[in-house]
Every structure is written in structure tokens, then in C-alpha cells.
């Protein structure tokens, strides 16, 4: 599969990566169909994310896969996943979270105690989770993380198509 990878200031490239595989029954694999960038991606591309700051306890040294916001189609689920199924269209949140710890239950998913603080897609914070400008993505806690789109919106979304790099990417 391919993923859009930040390699240096103002430089990204499509790179080949191994297809993600399910590691537990609670996981899902999704194929992004619509992804976007945000102010964090802009800062990364400008080189600001790799500048070490005393108050920041992580560094985002390249290379790493980009993007942490997308709508995706579920392609595979573990046996314990009950809220989504292959073919479903879902929103994938930016933060990696278990959904069951005290912080997650309080709505503070960026402070999930099952993963390092601020673990997210699209930046190597709290581990390497990949980016959502990718052909496929592993979602570690599918029932907690994936938000099923309403049935009224699902039929209007296209199937994933790989056509090459996006203009402007």
C-alpha cells in the first residue's frame, strides 16, 4: 500500500508500506475515501514540528506518514468488533483511544491511559500509528474509535479509488 510521507521541510512523497494487519479481535482495517489536512499538517510541512521546544516532550522527526482526519470504508474487522462491519462508512478520529479508561469515558480521548499522551494518526506522537493519507489504516479499538456515518449519507460516498498523488500534495 501507499502512504503520503513527510520527508523534510516542504517535501512529501508517496512511499510503499506494508499493508496493516489486525493484531487483536478489537481492531479494524479501514480504507480512507476522503481525507484532509489541518493546521497541524501545515506546521509540519513548514518544518515547525521538528523544532524541539523545552515545553514539548516529543519530537516529530521525519520520515512519517501524514494526516489525521478522514472518512473511511471499513474493509476488515476483528471478531470482537460489534459497532461496524466491512463496507460501512465511518469517521476515523485523530486520537488513538481505548474508549474504556476513566479519561476516555469522560470524553478526554487525547488523554487515554492505554496509550502515550496525545497518541495520534499523522504524526509520531505516542507511537507510530501511520497516517490517514494512506491506502489502508489499522484502527486499534474499532468499537471505541470509529463513528458510523448515518445511513442517509452512506450511499452517496464513492468506493475507494487509487489514482495516484493528489494535485497539490
Foldseek 3Di string as FASTA:
>chain_A
DWFWKDAAAQDIDIDDDDADDDPALQKFKWFFQDFDDDPVVVCVNRVNQQDDDPVDPDGFHDTAGAGQWTKTATQGHGPPDDPDHGGFIWTFGFAQAQCPDPCNVVVNRQCHPVFPRNHGEGTQDRHHQGHNRGRMGMRRRCNRGIGTDDPVPSVPGDHHDDDDDDPPD
